[in-house]
Amino acid sequence: MMVSPPLLATLNAVGNIMVKARDPWWIIASAAVALHGADPGHVGDVDVLLSVDDARRILPMIGIQPRHGSAHAAFRSSIFGTWSGTSPLPVEFMADFHRWSGEAWLPVLPATRKRIEVDGMVVFVPERADLQAMLAAFGRPKDLERAQSLATVA
């Protein structure tokens, strides 16, 4: 695994928060690439996909006012929130997450879920092929590089 100390501490915080989840949830993007043992490039935050119900329940518990939107124009969520809490990296929570395909908003929902234990805390990521396809569909240069990096991991 390619997990830096700041990412490790943030993943631990996410695991502690998401233990309250009732529905499936995933870490995606650069942090998930690192958890698969590939080179994610720069990891500036941790992205968490969760259900709308869990977002409505969990985000207020950690002091986040759930809002509509996203941090990037190519993505949107019914509920979005950024938490900096006590972790070194910000955590972006996204419920009912969609990506713009160029023609329509398409839902982003992994088909797989892999359990990974990090420093005694359990987190979940999409399986490698699922994550690779997701990153390729995002289409941004950094996501395409991460998808290629995942392809090098057995």
Protein backbone atom coordinates (compact mmCIF):
# COMPACT_ATOMS: atom_id res chain seq x y z
CA MET A 1 0.00 0.00 0.00
CA MET A 2 1.19 3.52 -0.79
CA VAL A 3 -0.26 5.25 2.25
CA SER A 4 1.48 8.33 3.62
CA PRO A 5 1.21 9.22 7.33
CA PRO A 6 -1.30 12.07 6.65
CA LEU A 7 -3.44 9.75 4.50
CA LEU A 8 -3.21 7.00 7.12
CA ALA A 9 -4.43 9.37 9.85
CA THR A 10 -7.26 10.63 7.62
CA LEU A 11 -8.35 7.09 6.69
CA ASN A 12 -8.44 6.24 10.38
CA ALA A 13 -10.68 9.27 11.02
CA VAL A 14 -12.96 8.29 8.11
CA GLY A 15 -13.23 4.74 9.41
CA ASN A 16 -14.21 6.05 12.85
CA ILE A 17 -16.89 8.26 11.32
CA MET A 18 -18.25 5.72 8.87
CA VAL A 19 -18.63 2.97 11.46
CA LYS A 20 -22.00 4.69 12.02
CA ALA A 21 -23.08 4.03 8.41
CA ARG A 22 -26.05 1.76 7.81
CA ASP A 23 -25.59 1.51 4.05
CA PRO A 24 -22.59 0.59 1.87
CA TRP A 25 -19.98 3.31 1.46
CA TRP A 26 -16.69 3.61 -0.41
CA ILE A 27 -13.50 5.62 -0.53
CA ILE A 28 -12.81 6.49 -4.17
CA ALA A 29 -10.30 8.42 -6.30
CA SER A 30 -6.68 8.96 -5.21
CA ALA A 31 -6.99 7.50 -1.70
CA ALA A 32 -8.57 4.32 -3.12
CA VAL A 33 -5.76 4.05 -5.68
CA ALA A 34 -3.23 4.23 -2.84
CA LEU A 35 -5.15 1.58 -0.90
CA HIS A 36 -4.86 -0.73 -3.91
CA GLY A 37 -1.08 -0.29 -3.80
CA ALA A 38 -0.76 1.84 -6.93
CA ASP A 39 0.81 5.28 -7.22
CA PRO A 40 -2.03 7.80 -6.84
CA GLY A 41 0.08 10.87 -7.53
CA HIS A 42 -0.82 13.71 -5.19
CA VAL A 43 -3.48 12.83 -2.59
CA GLY A 44 -5.00 16.13 -1.52
CA ASP A 45 -8.16 14.79 0.10
CA VAL A 46 -10.20 11.66 0.74
CA ASP A 47 -13.43 11.20 -1.24
CA VAL A 48 -16.21 9.18 0.38
CA LEU A 49 -19.35 7.97 -1.41
CA LEU A 50 -22.23 7.29 0.93
CA SER A 51 -26.01 6.99 0.84
CA VAL A 52 -28.30 9.99 1.17
CA ASP A 53 -29.75 8.55 4.39
CA ASP A 54 -26.30 8.08 5.91
CA ALA A 55 -25.23 11.56 4.78
CA ARG A 56 -28.29 13.14 6.41
CA ARG A 57 -27.56 11.29 9.64
CA ILE A 58 -23.75 11.28 9.85
CA LEU A 59 -22.71 14.66 8.48
CA PRO A 60 -24.52 16.72 11.15
CA MET A 61 -22.90 14.48 13.82
CA ILE A 62 -19.48 15.74 12.68
CA GLY A 63 -20.53 19.37 12.30
CA ILE A 64 -21.17 19.46 8.55
CA GLN A 65 -24.23 21.19 7.19
CA PRO A 66 -25.23 18.97 4.22
CA ARG A 67 -25.55 20.93 0.99
CA HIS A 68 -26.19 20.28 -2.70
CA GLY A 69 -23.32 20.52 -5.13
CA SER A 70 -19.72 19.57 -5.63
CA ALA A 71 -16.21 20.94 -5.58
CA HIS A 72 -15.89 20.43 -9.37
CA ALA A 73 -18.22 21.39 -12.26
CA ALA A 74 -18.07 17.90 -13.83
CA PHE A 75 -19.54 16.33 -10.69
CA ARG A 76 -22.59 16.87 -8.52
CA SER A 77 -24.18 15.32 -5.47
CA SER A 78 -27.57 15.58 -3.82
CA ILE A 79 -25.64 16.00 -0.59
CA PHE A 80 -22.06 17.22 -0.42
CA GLY A 81 -19.93 18.23 2.52
CA THR A 82 -16.27 18.80 3.32
CA TRP A 83 -14.88 17.89 6.73
CA SER A 84 -11.49 18.91 8.01
CA GLY A 85 -12.16 17.81 11.58
CA THR A 86 -9.07 16.41 13.24
CA SER A 87 -7.60 14.73 10.17
CA PRO A 88 -4.61 16.08 8.24
CA LEU A 89 -6.42 15.88 4.86
CA PRO A 90 -9.90 17.21 4.09
CA VAL A 91 -12.62 14.61 3.55
CA GLU A 92 -15.30 15.15 0.89
CA PHE A 93 -18.55 13.29 1.49
CA MET A 94 -20.76 12.75 -1.57
CA ALA A 95 -24.24 11.21 -1.59
CA ASP A 96 -26.16 10.51 -4.79
CA PHE A 97 -22.98 11.35 -6.71
CA HIS A 98 -23.11 11.95 -10.49
CA ARG A 99 -20.61 12.76 -13.22
CA TRP A 100 -21.24 14.75 -16.38
CA SER A 101 -20.74 12.53 -19.45
CA GLY A 102 -20.85 15.40 -21.93
CA GLU A 103 -24.48 14.64 -22.64
CA ALA A 104 -26.10 13.72 -19.34
CA TRP A 105 -25.54 13.36 -15.60
CA LEU A 106 -24.71 9.71 -14.88
CA PRO A 107 -24.77 8.15 -11.42
CA VAL A 108 -21.48 7.03 -9.92
CA LEU A 109 -22.08 3.94 -7.82
CA PRO A 110 -19.48 1.21 -7.56
CA ALA A 111 -20.63 -2.30 -8.42
CA THR A 112 -18.10 -3.86 -6.05
CA ARG A 113 -16.90 -3.30 -2.51
CA LYS A 114 -13.56 -4.38 -1.10
CA ARG A 115 -12.86 -4.32 2.63
CA ILE A 116 -9.40 -3.07 3.59
CA GLU A 117 -7.99 -2.85 7.08
CA VAL A 118 -5.72 0.13 7.64
CA ASP A 119 -4.03 0.54 11.00
CA GLY A 120 -6.81 -1.45 12.70
CA MET A 121 -9.61 0.51 11.01
CA VAL A 122 -11.83 -0.91 8.26
CA VAL A 123 -12.48 1.10 5.11
CA PHE A 124 -14.05 0.13 1.80
CA VAL A 125 -13.03 0.79 -1.80
CA PRO A 126 -14.30 -0.42 -5.17
CA GLU A 127 -12.45 -3.48 -6.52
CA ARG A 128 -9.52 -2.52 -8.74
CA ALA A 129 -11.24 -2.99 -12.14
CA ASP A 130 -14.34 -1.14 -10.93
CA LEU A 131 -12.23 1.77 -9.64
CA GLN A 132 -10.18 1.81 -12.85
CA ALA A 133 -13.35 2.08 -14.98
CA MET A 134 -14.70 4.82 -12.72
CA LEU A 135 -11.53 6.89 -13.00
CA ALA A 136 -11.41 6.42 -16.78
CA ALA A 137 -15.02 7.59 -17.02
CA PHE A 138 -14.17 10.73 -15.01
CA GLY A 139 -11.84 11.56 -17.89
CA ARG A 140 -9.68 14.18 -16.21
CA PRO A 141 -5.93 13.82 -16.85
CA LYS A 142 -5.18 13.03 -13.19
CA ASP A 143 -7.91 10.37 -13.11
CA LEU A 144 -6.65 8.79 -16.34
CA GLU A 145 -3.14 8.64 -14.85
CA ARG A 146 -4.51 6.97 -11.73
CA ALA A 147 -6.44 4.44 -13.84
CA GLN A 148 -3.19 3.62 -15.69
CA SER A 149 -1.36 3.29 -12.40
CA LEU A 150 -3.99 0.80 -11.18
CA ALA A 151 -3.42 -1.27 -14.34
CA THR A 152 0.17 -1.91 -13.19
CA VAL A 153 -0.91 -3.51 -9.92
CA ALA A 154 -1.50 -7.26 -9.87
